[in-house]
Amino acid sequence: MCQYQTLFHSDNTGYVVRCNECDKLQIGYGNIMLTVNQEGFAAFHWWLKHIRDEQDPGIKETLRCITIPTPCEGVKLLLSMRELQEFEQMLEDADTEMRSIDIMKLF
């Protein structure tokens, strides 16, 4: 049974938790929930950064026109620039917390 450790939580944004038993991460954002392993988390975080950096700076912040591919055929996430930035920042904060916790485990 999973024992979750919170890496990020905001009532307005979402959450990232890690299971201490199986090391899987659960990411909740809006009406999206993803479960990934550590490698999948790193890859997804990198992918969001890459997509964010490739966007036209003149894009309207609230227009949902950015598609994020998923491994499931025919399923994509549809986000606005503001949502993409918020989602990526949430993962950045969770990654920082996860690294801090892992470093503290060494002592």
PDB file of N, CA and C in Angstrom:
ATOM      1  N   MET A   1       0.845  -1.182   0.000  1.00  0.00           N
ATOM      2  CA  MET A   1       0.000   0.000   0.000  1.00  0.00           C
ATOM      3  C   MET A   1       0.889   1.243   0.000  1.00  0.00           C
ATOM      4  N   CYS A   2       0.493   2.203  -0.771  1.00  0.00           N
ATOM      5  CA  CYS A   2       1.313   3.407  -0.935  1.00  0.00           C
ATOM      6  C   CYS A   2       1.280   4.305   0.302  1.00  0.00           C
ATOM      7  N   GLN A   3       2.448   4.829   0.636  1.00  0.00           N
ATOM      8  CA  GLN A   3       2.623   5.811   1.703  1.00  0.00           C
ATOM      9  C   GLN A   3       3.160   7.073   1.029  1.00  0.00           C
ATOM     10  N   TYR A   4       2.298   8.054   0.848  1.00  0.00           N
ATOM     11  CA  TYR A   4       2.665   9.233   0.068  1.00  0.00           C
ATOM     12  C   TYR A   4       3.390  10.298   0.875  1.00  0.00           C
ATOM     13  N   GLN A   5       4.364  10.895   0.228  1.00  0.00           N
ATOM     14  CA  GLN A   5       5.129  12.013   0.766  1.00  0.00           C
ATOM     15  C   GLN A   5       4.848  13.197  -0.165  1.00  0.00           C
ATOM     16  N   THR A   6       4.375  14.299   0.394  1.00  0.00           N
ATOM     17  CA  THR A   6       4.020  15.461  -0.413  1.00  0.00           C
ATOM     18  C   THR A   6       5.274  16.225  -0.822  1.00  0.00           C
ATOM     19  N   LEU A   7       5.429  16.433  -2.116  1.00  0.00           N
ATOM     20  CA  LEU A   7       6.545  17.214  -2.649  1.00  0.00           C
ATOM     21  C   LEU A   7       6.087  18.618  -3.026  1.00  0.00           C
ATOM     22  N   PHE A   8       4.816  18.734  -3.373  1.00  0.00           N
ATOM     23  CA  PHE A   8       4.235  20.040  -3.683  1.00  0.00           C
ATOM     24  C   PHE A   8       2.732  19.935  -3.486  1.00  0.00           C
ATOM     25  N   HIS A   9       2.136  20.997  -2.915  1.00  0.00           N
ATOM     26  CA  HIS A   9       0.684  21.054  -2.800  1.00  0.00           C
ATOM     27  C   HIS A   9       0.232  22.500  -2.775  1.00  0.00           C
ATOM     28  N   SER A  10      -0.762  22.790  -3.601  1.00  0.00           N
ATOM     29  CA  SER A  10      -1.409  24.097  -3.608  1.00  0.00           C
ATOM     30  C   SER A  10      -2.864  23.873  -3.980  1.00  0.00           C
ATOM     31  N   ASP A  11      -3.768  24.401  -3.174  1.00  0.00           N
ATOM     32  CA  ASP A  11      -5.190  24.260  -3.479  1.00  0.00           C
ATOM     33  C   ASP A  11      -5.534  24.881  -4.836  1.00  0.00           C
ATOM     34  N   ASN A  12      -4.790  25.888  -5.240  1.00  0.00           N
ATOM     35  CA  ASN A  12      -5.073  26.581  -6.498  1.00  0.00           C
ATOM     36  C   ASN A  12      -4.406  25.947  -7.714  1.00  0.00           C
ATOM     37  N   THR A  13      -3.305  25.235  -7.489  1.00  0.00           N
ATOM     38  CA  THR A  13      -2.530  24.717  -8.611  1.00  0.00           C
ATOM     39  C   THR A  13      -2.661  23.212  -8.771  1.00  0.00           C
ATOM     40  N   GLY A  14      -2.271  22.487  -7.745  1.00  0.00           N
ATOM     41  CA  GLY A  14      -2.282  21.031  -7.833  1.00  0.00           C
ATOM     42  C   GLY A  14      -1.345  20.434  -6.812  1.00  0.00           C
ATOM     43  N   TYR A  15      -0.871  19.234  -7.111  1.00  0.00           N
ATOM     44  CA  TYR A  15       0.001  18.548  -6.158  1.00  0.00           C
ATOM     45  C   TYR A  15       0.937  17.582  -6.873  1.00  0.00           C
ATOM     46  N   VAL A  16       2.013  17.260  -6.182  1.00  0.00           N
ATOM     47  CA  VAL A  16       2.914  16.179  -6.585  1.00  0.00           C
ATOM     48  C   VAL A  16       3.250  15.420  -5.312  1.00  0.00           C
ATOM     49  N   VAL A  17       2.983  14.115  -5.324  1.00  0.00           N
ATOM     50  CA  VAL A  17       3.311  13.269  -4.186  1.00  0.00           C
ATOM     51  C   VAL A  17       4.143  12.085  -4.676  1.00  0.00           C
ATOM     52  N   ARG A  18       4.954  11.552  -3.769  1.00  0.00           N
ATOM     53  CA  ARG A  18       5.790  10.395  -4.095  1.00  0.00           C
ATOM     54  C   ARG A  18       5.487   9.287  -3.105  1.00  0.00           C
ATOM     55  N   CYS A  19       5.338   8.083  -3.598  1.00  0.00           N
ATOM     56  CA  CYS A  19       5.109   6.934  -2.730  1.00  0.00           C
ATOM     57  C   CYS A  19       6.453   6.452  -2.198  1.00  0.00           C
ATOM     58  N   ASN A  20       6.555   6.344  -0.878  1.00  0.00           N
ATOM     59  CA  ASN A  20       7.794   5.871  -0.260  1.00  0.00           C
ATOM     60  C   ASN A  20       8.014   4.381  -0.481  1.00  0.00           C
ATOM     61  N   GLU A  21       6.961   3.646  -0.818  1.00  0.00           N
ATOM     62  CA  GLU A  21       7.066   2.199  -1.024  1.00  0.00           C
ATOM     63  C   GLU A  21       7.511   1.858  -2.446  1.00  0.00           C
ATOM     64  N   CYS A  22       6.806   2.400  -3.445  1.00  0.00           N
ATOM     65  CA  CYS A  22       7.082   2.016  -4.838  1.00  0.00           C
ATOM     66  C   CYS A  22       7.842   3.086  -5.629  1.00  0.00           C
ATOM     67  N   ASP A  23       8.077   4.255  -5.023  1.00  0.00           N
ATOM     68  CA  ASP A  23       8.823   5.359  -5.644  1.00  0.00           C
ATOM     69  C   ASP A  23       8.121   5.986  -6.849  1.00  0.00           C
ATOM     70  N   LYS A  24       6.846   5.712  -7.046  1.00  0.00           N
ATOM     71  CA  LYS A  24       6.080   6.351  -8.127  1.00  0.00           C
ATOM     72  C   LYS A  24       5.632   7.734  -7.671  1.00  0.00           C
ATOM     73  N   LEU A  25       5.478   8.620  -8.630  1.00  0.00           N
ATOM     74  CA  LEU A  25       5.007   9.970  -8.347  1.00  0.00           C
ATOM     75  C   LEU A  25       3.634  10.152  -8.962  1.00  0.00           C
ATOM     76  N   GLN A  26       2.780  10.833  -8.232  1.00  0.00           N
ATOM     77  CA  GLN A  26       1.452  11.167  -8.730  1.00  0.00           C
ATOM     78  C   GLN A  26       1.402  12.683  -8.868  1.00  0.00           C
ATOM     79  N   ILE A  27       1.010  13.128 -10.056  1.00  0.00           N
ATOM     80  CA  ILE A  27       0.949  14.550 -10.374  1.00  0.00           C
ATOM     81  C   ILE A  27      -0.508  14.895 -10.637  1.00  0.00           C
ATOM     82  N   GLY A  28      -1.028  15.864  -9.909  1.00  0.00           N
ATOM     83  CA  GLY A  28      -2.387  16.338 -10.129  1.00  0.00           C
ATOM     84  C   GLY A  28      -2.361  17.802 -10.500  1.00  0.00           C
ATOM     85  N   TYR A  29      -2.970  18.125 -11.627  1.00  0.00           N
ATOM     86  CA  TYR A  29      -3.041  19.522 -12.063  1.00  0.00           C
ATOM     87  C   TYR A  29      -4.374  19.715 -12.769  1.00  0.00           C
ATOM     88  N   GLY A  30      -5.190  20.637 -12.275  1.00  0.00           N
ATOM     89  CA  GLY A  30      -6.516  20.844 -12.869  1.00  0.00           C
ATOM     90  C   GLY A  30      -7.298  19.550 -12.831  1.00  0.00           C
ATOM     91  N   ASN A  31      -7.758  19.090 -13.979  1.00  0.00           N
ATOM     92  CA  ASN A  31      -8.475  17.824 -14.034  1.00  0.00           C
ATOM     93  C   ASN A  31      -7.595  16.700 -14.600  1.00  0.00           C
ATOM     94  N   ILE A  32      -6.288  16.877 -14.503  1.00  0.00           N
ATOM     95  CA  ILE A  32      -5.309  15.913 -15.003  1.00  0.00           C
ATOM     96  C   ILE A  32      -4.657  15.211 -13.816  1.00  0.00           C
ATOM     97  N   MET A  33      -4.501  13.901 -13.899  1.00  0.00           N
ATOM     98  CA  MET A  33      -3.720  13.174 -12.904  1.00  0.00           C
ATOM     99  C   MET A  33      -2.835  12.180 -13.648  1.00  0.00           C
ATOM    100  N   LEU A  34      -1.541  12.252 -13.385  1.00  0.00           N
ATOM    101  CA  LEU A  34      -0.569  11.358 -14.005  1.00  0.00           C
ATOM    102  C   LEU A  34       0.159  10.587 -12.919  1.00  0.00           C
ATOM    103  N   THR A  35       0.476   9.336 -13.198  1.00  0.00           N
ATOM    104  CA  THR A  35       1.316   8.546 -12.304  1.00  0.00           C
ATOM    105  C   THR A  35       2.526   8.106 -13.115  1.00  0.00           C
ATOM    106  N   VAL A  36       3.710   8.447 -12.625  1.00  0.00           N
ATOM    107  CA  VAL A  36       4.955   8.169 -13.352  1.00  0.00           C
ATOM    108  C   VAL A  36       6.024   7.689 -12.376  1.00  0.00           C
ATOM    109  N   ASN A  37       7.062   7.063 -12.919  1.00  0.00           N
ATOM    110  CA  ASN A  37       8.221   6.741 -12.089  1.00  0.00           C
ATOM    111  C   ASN A  37       9.169   7.948 -12.107  1.00  0.00           C
ATOM    112  N   GLN A  38      10.282   7.832 -11.399  1.00  0.00           N
ATOM    113  CA  GLN A  38      11.213   8.971 -11.295  1.00  0.00           C
ATOM    114  C   GLN A  38      11.746   9.390 -12.669  1.00  0.00           C
ATOM    115  N   GLU A  39      12.080   8.409 -13.514  1.00  0.00           N
ATOM    116  CA  GLU A  39      12.575   8.740 -14.852  1.00  0.00           C
ATOM    117  C   GLU A  39      11.496   9.419 -15.681  1.00  0.00           C
ATOM    118  N   GLY A  40      10.269   8.924 -15.565  1.00  0.00           N
ATOM    119  CA  GLY A  40       9.145   9.522 -16.285  1.00  0.00           C
ATOM    120  C   GLY A  40       8.881  10.946 -15.829  1.00  0.00           C
ATOM    121  N   PHE A  41       9.032  11.193 -14.529  1.00  0.00           N
ATOM    122  CA  PHE A  41       8.852  12.538 -13.991  1.00  0.00           C
ATOM    123  C   PHE A  41       9.887  13.483 -14.588  1.00  0.00           C
ATOM    124  N   ALA A  42      11.146  13.051 -14.581  1.00  0.00           N
ATOM    125  CA  ALA A  42      12.226  13.888 -15.123  1.00  0.00           C
ATOM    126  C   ALA A  42      11.999  14.157 -16.614  1.00  0.00           C
ATOM    127  N   ALA A  43      11.610  13.136 -17.348  1.00  0.00           N
ATOM    128  CA  ALA A  43      11.380  13.290 -18.789  1.00  0.00           C
ATOM    129  C   ALA A  43      10.191  14.211 -19.061  1.00  0.00           C
ATOM    130  N   PHE A  44       9.109  14.058 -18.307  1.00  0.00           N
ATOM    131  CA  PHE A  44       7.929  14.886 -18.502  1.00  0.00           C
ATOM    132  C   PHE A  44       8.235  16.338 -18.139  1.00  0.00           C
ATOM    133  N   HIS A  45       8.973  16.536 -17.038  1.00  0.00           N
ATOM    134  CA  HIS A  45       9.364  17.886 -16.626  1.00  0.00           C
ATOM    135  C   HIS A  45      10.216  18.536 -17.713  1.00  0.00           C
ATOM    136  N   TRP A  46      11.187  17.808 -18.244  1.00  0.00           N
ATOM    137  CA  TRP A  46      12.040  18.330 -19.319  1.00  0.00           C
ATOM    138  C   TRP A  46      11.192  18.684 -20.534  1.00  0.00           C
ATOM    139  N   TRP A  47      10.238  17.801 -20.870  1.00  0.00           N
ATOM    140  CA  TRP A  47       9.400  18.008 -22.035  1.00  0.00           C
ATOM    141  C   TRP A  47       8.558  19.275 -21.892  1.00  0.00           C
ATOM    142  N   LEU A  48       7.981  19.508 -20.705  1.00  0.00           N
ATOM    143  CA  LEU A  48       7.195  20.725 -20.484  1.00  0.00           C
ATOM    144  C   LEU A  48       8.059  21.978 -20.631  1.00  0.00           C
ATOM    145  N   LYS A  49       9.282  21.927 -20.093  1.00  0.00           N
ATOM    146  CA  LYS A  49      10.196  23.076 -20.241  1.00  0.00           C
ATOM    147  C   LYS A  49      10.476  23.343 -21.715  1.00  0.00           C
ATOM    148  N   HIS A  50      10.743  22.271 -22.448  1.00  0.00           N
ATOM    149  CA  HIS A  50      11.056  22.385 -23.872  1.00  0.00           C
ATOM    150  C   HIS A  50       9.874  22.991 -24.638  1.00  0.00           C
ATOM    151  N   ILE A  51       8.689  22.502 -24.382  1.00  0.00           N
ATOM    152  CA  ILE A  51       7.497  23.021 -25.059  1.00  0.00           C
ATOM    153  C   ILE A  51       7.269  24.480 -24.683  1.00  0.00           C
ATOM    154  N   ARG A  52       7.449  24.807 -23.403  1.00  0.00           N
ATOM    155  CA  ARG A  52       7.276  26.203 -22.959  1.00  0.00           C
ATOM    156  C   ARG A  52       8.258  27.121 -23.676  1.00  0.00           C
ATOM    157  N   ASP A  53       9.516  26.696 -23.769  1.00  0.00           N
ATOM    158  CA  ASP A  53      10.540  27.522 -24.402  1.00  0.00           C
ATOM    159  C   ASP A  53      10.317  27.696 -25.905  1.00  0.00           C
ATOM    160  N   GLU A  54       9.599  26.779 -26.535  1.00  0.00           N
ATOM    161  CA  GLU A  54       9.362  26.834 -27.972  1.00  0.00           C
ATOM    162  C   GLU A  54       8.140  27.677 -28.356  1.00  0.00           C
ATOM    163  N   GLN A  55       7.401  28.183 -27.374  1.00  0.00           N
ATOM    164  CA  GLN A  55       6.168  28.917 -27.672  1.00  0.00           C
ATOM    165  C   GLN A  55       6.455  30.334 -28.150  1.00  0.00           C
ATOM    166  N   ASP A  56       5.576  30.829 -28.994  1.00  0.00           N
ATOM    167  CA  ASP A  56       5.637  32.197 -29.501  1.00  0.00           C
ATOM    168  C   ASP A  56       5.397  33.150 -28.330  1.00  0.00           C
ATOM    169  N   PRO A  57       6.330  34.080 -28.070  1.00  0.00           N
ATOM    170  CA  PRO A  57       6.152  34.999 -26.937  1.00  0.00           C
ATOM    171  C   PRO A  57       4.917  35.893 -27.068  1.00  0.00           C
ATOM    172  N   GLY A  58       4.384  36.035 -28.260  1.00  0.00           N
ATOM    173  CA  GLY A  58       3.216  36.888 -28.457  1.00  0.00           C
ATOM    174  C   GLY A  58       1.889  36.161 -28.254  1.00  0.00           C
ATOM    175  N   ILE A  59       1.953  34.892 -27.876  1.00  0.00           N
ATOM    176  CA  ILE A  59       0.737  34.103 -27.706  1.00  0.00           C
ATOM    177  C   ILE A  59      -0.097  34.658 -26.551  1.00  0.00           C
ATOM    178  N   LYS A  60      -1.405  34.692 -26.730  1.00  0.00           N
ATOM    179  CA  LYS A  60      -2.300  35.156 -25.676  1.00  0.00           C
ATOM    180  C   LYS A  60      -2.221  34.165 -24.509  1.00  0.00           C
ATOM    181  N   GLU A  61      -1.968  34.676 -23.306  1.00  0.00           N
ATOM    182  CA  GLU A  61      -1.706  33.833 -22.140  1.00  0.00           C
ATOM    183  C   GLU A  61      -2.851  32.907 -21.762  1.00  0.00           C
ATOM    184  N   THR A  62      -4.092  33.290 -22.060  1.00  0.00           N
ATOM    185  CA  THR A  62      -5.232  32.494 -21.609  1.00  0.00           C
ATOM    186  C   THR A  62      -5.838  31.617 -22.706  1.00  0.00           C
ATOM    187  N   LEU A  63      -5.300  31.674 -23.900  1.00  0.00           N
ATOM    188  CA  LEU A  63      -5.820  30.882 -25.016  1.00  0.00           C
ATOM    189  C   LEU A  63      -5.287  29.454 -24.930  1.00  0.00           C
ATOM    190  N   ARG A  64      -6.175  28.495 -24.799  1.00  0.00           N
ATOM    191  CA  ARG A  64      -5.759  27.085 -24.718  1.00  0.00           C
ATOM    192  C   ARG A  64      -5.471  26.573 -26.130  1.00  0.00           C
ATOM    193  N   CYS A  65      -4.209  26.662 -26.503  1.00  0.00           N
ATOM    194  CA  CYS A  65      -3.811  26.251 -27.849  1.00  0.00           C
ATOM    195  C   CYS A  65      -2.518  25.438 -27.845  1.00  0.00           C
ATOM    196  N   ILE A  66      -1.995  25.130 -26.666  1.00  0.00           N
ATOM    197  CA  ILE A  66      -0.736  24.390 -26.569  1.00  0.00           C
ATOM    198  C   ILE A  66      -1.074  22.936 -26.257  1.00  0.00           C
ATOM    199  N   THR A  67      -0.647  22.037 -27.144  1.00  0.00           N
ATOM    200  CA  THR A  67      -0.914  20.623 -26.929  1.00  0.00           C
ATOM    201  C   THR A  67       0.334  19.932 -26.400  1.00  0.00           C
ATOM    202  N   ILE A  68       0.125  19.112 -25.398  1.00  0.00           N
ATOM    203  CA  ILE A  68       1.210  18.341 -24.784  1.00  0.00           C
ATOM    204  C   ILE A  68       0.936  16.873 -25.100  1.00  0.00           C
ATOM    205  N   PRO A  69       1.763  16.238 -25.923  1.00  0.00           N
ATOM    206  CA  PRO A  69       1.549  14.828 -26.248  1.00  0.00           C
ATOM    207  C   PRO A  69       1.696  13.940 -25.003  1.00  0.00           C
ATOM    208  N   THR A  70       1.001  12.834 -25.017  1.00  0.00           N
ATOM    209  CA  THR A  70       1.132  11.828 -23.958  1.00  0.00           C
ATOM    210  C   THR A  70       1.457  10.497 -24.619  1.00  0.00           C
ATOM    211  N   PRO A  71       1.897   9.523 -23.830  1.00  0.00           N
ATOM    212  CA  PRO A  71       2.184   8.205 -24.415  1.00  0.00           C
ATOM    213  C   PRO A  71       0.926   7.487 -24.930  1.00  0.00           C
ATOM    214  N   CYS A  72      -0.246   7.918 -24.499  1.00  0.00           N
ATOM    215  CA  CYS A  72      -1.495   7.289 -24.928  1.00  0.00           C
ATOM    216  C   CYS A  72      -1.902   7.846 -26.289  1.00  0.00           C
ATOM    217  N   GLU A  73      -2.020   6.971 -27.270  1.00  0.00           N
ATOM    218  CA  GLU A  73      -2.374   7.399 -28.616  1.00  0.00           C
ATOM    219  C   GLU A  73      -3.717   8.121 -28.618  1.00  0.00           C
ATOM    220  N   GLY A  74      -3.737   9.296 -29.212  1.00  0.00           N
ATOM    221  CA  GLY A  74      -4.967  10.063 -29.307  1.00  0.00           C
ATOM    222  C   GLY A  74      -5.283  10.909 -28.089  1.00  0.00           C
ATOM    223  N   VAL A  75      -4.428  10.901 -27.071  1.00  0.00           N
ATOM    224  CA  VAL A  75      -4.665  11.689 -25.861  1.00  0.00           C
ATOM    225  C   VAL A  75      -3.571  12.750 -25.742  1.00  0.00           C
ATOM    226  N   LYS A  76      -3.987  14.006 -25.668  1.00  0.00           N
ATOM    227  CA  LYS A  76      -3.051  15.125 -25.487  1.00  0.00           C
ATOM    228  C   LYS A  76      -3.619  16.048 -24.423  1.00  0.00           C
ATOM    229  N   LEU A  77      -2.750  16.760 -23.742  1.00  0.00           N
ATOM    230  CA  LEU A  77      -3.173  17.790 -22.801  1.00  0.00           C
ATOM    231  C   LEU A  77      -3.294  19.093 -23.580  1.00  0.00           C
ATOM    232  N   LEU A  78      -4.299  19.883 -23.260  1.00  0.00           N
ATOM    233  CA  LEU A  78      -4.512  21.161 -23.917  1.00  0.00           C
ATOM    234  C   LEU A  78      -4.428  22.254 -22.859  1.00  0.00           C
ATOM    235  N   LEU A  79      -3.404  23.101 -22.969  1.00  0.00           N
ATOM    236  CA  LEU A  79      -3.140  24.124 -21.961  1.00  0.00           C
ATOM    237  C   LEU A  79      -2.963  25.491 -22.591  1.00  0.00           C
ATOM    238  N   SER A  80      -3.189  26.511 -21.783  1.00  0.00           N
ATOM    239  CA  SER A  80      -2.842  27.875 -22.180  1.00  0.00           C
ATOM    240  C   SER A  80      -1.391  28.118 -21.759  1.00  0.00           C
ATOM    241  N   MET A  81      -0.825  29.215 -22.205  1.00  0.00           N
ATOM    242  CA  MET A  81       0.550  29.552 -21.821  1.00  0.00           C
ATOM    243  C   MET A  81       0.641  29.740 -20.311  1.00  0.00           C
ATOM    244  N   ARG A  82      -0.349  30.401 -19.739  1.00  0.00           N
ATOM    245  CA  ARG A  82      -0.353  30.601 -18.285  1.00  0.00           C
ATOM    246  C   ARG A  82      -0.397  29.256 -17.566  1.00  0.00           C
ATOM    247  N   GLU A  83      -1.237  28.346 -18.030  1.00  0.00           N
ATOM    248  CA  GLU A  83      -1.342  27.024 -17.405  1.00  0.00           C
ATOM    249  C   GLU A  83      -0.058  26.232 -17.577  1.00  0.00           C
ATOM    250  N   LEU A  84       0.540  26.314 -18.756  1.00  0.00           N
ATOM    251  CA  LEU A  84       1.797  25.608 -19.003  1.00  0.00           C
ATOM    252  C   LEU A  84       2.889  26.116 -18.067  1.00  0.00           C
ATOM    253  N   GLN A  85       2.999  27.427 -17.921  1.00  0.00           N
ATOM    254  CA  GLN A  85       4.000  28.000 -17.012  1.00  0.00           C
ATOM    255  C   GLN A  85       3.736  27.580 -15.568  1.00  0.00           C
ATOM    256  N   GLU A  86       2.481  27.597 -15.168  1.00  0.00           N
ATOM    257  CA  GLU A  86       2.095  27.210 -13.811  1.00  0.00           C
ATOM    258  C   GLU A  86       2.394  25.728 -13.557  1.00  0.00           C
ATOM    259  N   PHE A  87       2.049  24.886 -14.520  1.00  0.00           N
ATOM    260  CA  PHE A  87       2.291  23.446 -14.416  1.00  0.00           C
ATOM    261  C   PHE A  87       3.789  23.163 -14.337  1.00  0.00           C
ATOM    262  N   GLU A  88       4.557  23.797 -15.203  1.00  0.00           N
ATOM    263  CA  GLU A  88       6.013  23.586 -15.211  1.00  0.00           C
ATOM    264  C   GLU A  88       6.639  24.076 -13.906  1.00  0.00           C
ATOM    265  N   GLN A  89       6.175  25.199 -13.374  1.00  0.00           N
ATOM    266  CA  GLN A  89       6.705  25.721 -12.103  1.00  0.00           C
ATOM    267  C   GLN A  89       6.367  24.772 -10.954  1.00  0.00           C
ATOM    268  N   MET A  90       5.188  24.193 -10.988  1.00  0.00           N
ATOM    269  CA  MET A  90       4.782  23.222  -9.976  1.00  0.00           C
ATOM    270  C   MET A  90       5.736  22.027  -9.992  1.00  0.00           C
ATOM    271  N   LEU A  91       6.064  21.526 -11.182  1.00  0.00           N
ATOM    272  CA  LEU A  91       7.001  20.403 -11.286  1.00  0.00           C
ATOM    273  C   LEU A  91       8.410  20.809 -10.858  1.00  0.00           C
ATOM    274  N   GLU A  92       8.795  22.038 -11.175  1.00  0.00           N
ATOM    275  CA  GLU A  92      10.116  22.543 -10.752  1.00  0.00           C
ATOM    276  C   GLU A  92      10.214  22.580  -9.231  1.00  0.00           C
ATOM    277  N   ASP A  93       9.177  23.095  -8.580  1.00  0.00           N
ATOM    278  CA  ASP A  93       9.160  23.150  -7.110  1.00  0.00           C
ATOM    279  C   ASP A  93       9.181  21.751  -6.504  1.00  0.00           C
ATOM    280  N   ALA A  94       8.418  20.826  -7.084  1.00  0.00           N
ATOM    281  CA  ALA A  94       8.389  19.450  -6.595  1.00  0.00           C
ATOM    282  C   ALA A  94       9.749  18.782  -6.779  1.00  0.00           C
ATOM    283  N   ASP A  95      10.387  19.027  -7.911  1.00  0.00           N
ATOM    284  CA  ASP A  95      11.712  18.448  -8.178  1.00  0.00           C
ATOM    285  C   ASP A  95      12.735  18.964  -7.180  1.00  0.00           C
ATOM    286  N   THR A  96      12.689  20.252  -6.877  1.00  0.00           N
ATOM    287  CA  THR A  96      13.601  20.831  -5.891  1.00  0.00           C
ATOM    288  C   THR A  96      13.380  20.201  -4.520  1.00  0.00           C
ATOM    289  N   GLU A  97      12.114  20.037  -4.131  1.00  0.00           N
ATOM    290  CA  GLU A  97      11.797  19.413  -2.844  1.00  0.00           C
ATOM    291  C   GLU A  97      12.276  17.961  -2.811  1.00  0.00           C
ATOM    292  N   MET A  98      12.059  17.234  -3.891  1.00  0.00           N
ATOM    293  CA  MET A  98      12.477  15.835  -3.961  1.00  0.00           C
ATOM    294  C   MET A  98      13.997  15.718  -3.840  1.00  0.00           C
ATOM    295  N   ARG A  99      14.715  16.572  -4.516  1.00  0.00           N
ATOM    296  CA  ARG A  99      16.185  16.547  -4.434  1.00  0.00           C
ATOM    297  C   ARG A  99      16.663  16.889  -3.020  1.00  0.00           C
ATOM    298  N   SER A 100      16.012  17.858  -2.394  1.00  0.00           N
ATOM    299  CA  SER A 100      16.374  18.240  -1.010  1.00  0.00           C
ATOM    300  C   SER A 100      16.156  17.072  -0.049  1.00  0.00           C
ATOM    301  N   ILE A 101      15.026  16.407  -0.186  1.00  0.00           N
ATOM    302  CA  ILE A 101      14.719  15.265   0.690  1.00  0.00           C
ATOM    303  C   ILE A 101      15.730  14.144   0.450  1.00  0.00           C
ATOM    304  N   ASP A 102      16.049  13.879  -0.814  1.00  0.00           N
ATOM    305  CA  ASP A 102      17.007  12.816  -1.114  1.00  0.00           C
ATOM    306  C   ASP A 102      18.406  13.140  -0.589  1.00  0.00           C
ATOM    307  N   ILE A 103      18.785  14.396  -0.606  1.00  0.00           N
ATOM    308  CA  ILE A 103      20.085  14.794  -0.066  1.00  0.00           C
ATOM    309  C   ILE A 103      20.089  14.615   1.466  1.00  0.00           C
ATOM    310  N   MET A 104      18.976  15.009   2.113  1.00  0.00           N
ATOM    311  CA  MET A 104      18.903  14.880   3.584  1.00  0.00           C
ATOM    312  C   MET A 104      18.949  13.419   4.012  1.00  0.00           C
ATOM    313  N   LYS A 105      18.484  12.504   3.182  1.00  0.00           N
ATOM    314  CA  LYS A 105      18.520  11.068   3.498  1.00  0.00           C
ATOM    315  C   LYS A 105      19.946  10.542   3.576  1.00  0.00           C
ATOM    316  N   LEU A 106      20.878  11.257   2.968  1.00  0.00           N
ATOM    317  CA  LEU A 106      22.272  10.828   2.973  1.00  0.00           C
ATOM    318  C   LEU A 106      22.947  11.044   4.324  1.00  0.00           C
ATOM    319  N   PHE A 107      22.355  11.866   5.171  1.00  0.00           N
ATOM    320  CA  PHE A 107      22.959  12.180   6.469  1.00  0.00           C
ATOM    321  C   PHE A 107      22.340  11.402   7.584  1.00  0.00           C
TER     322      PHE A 107
END
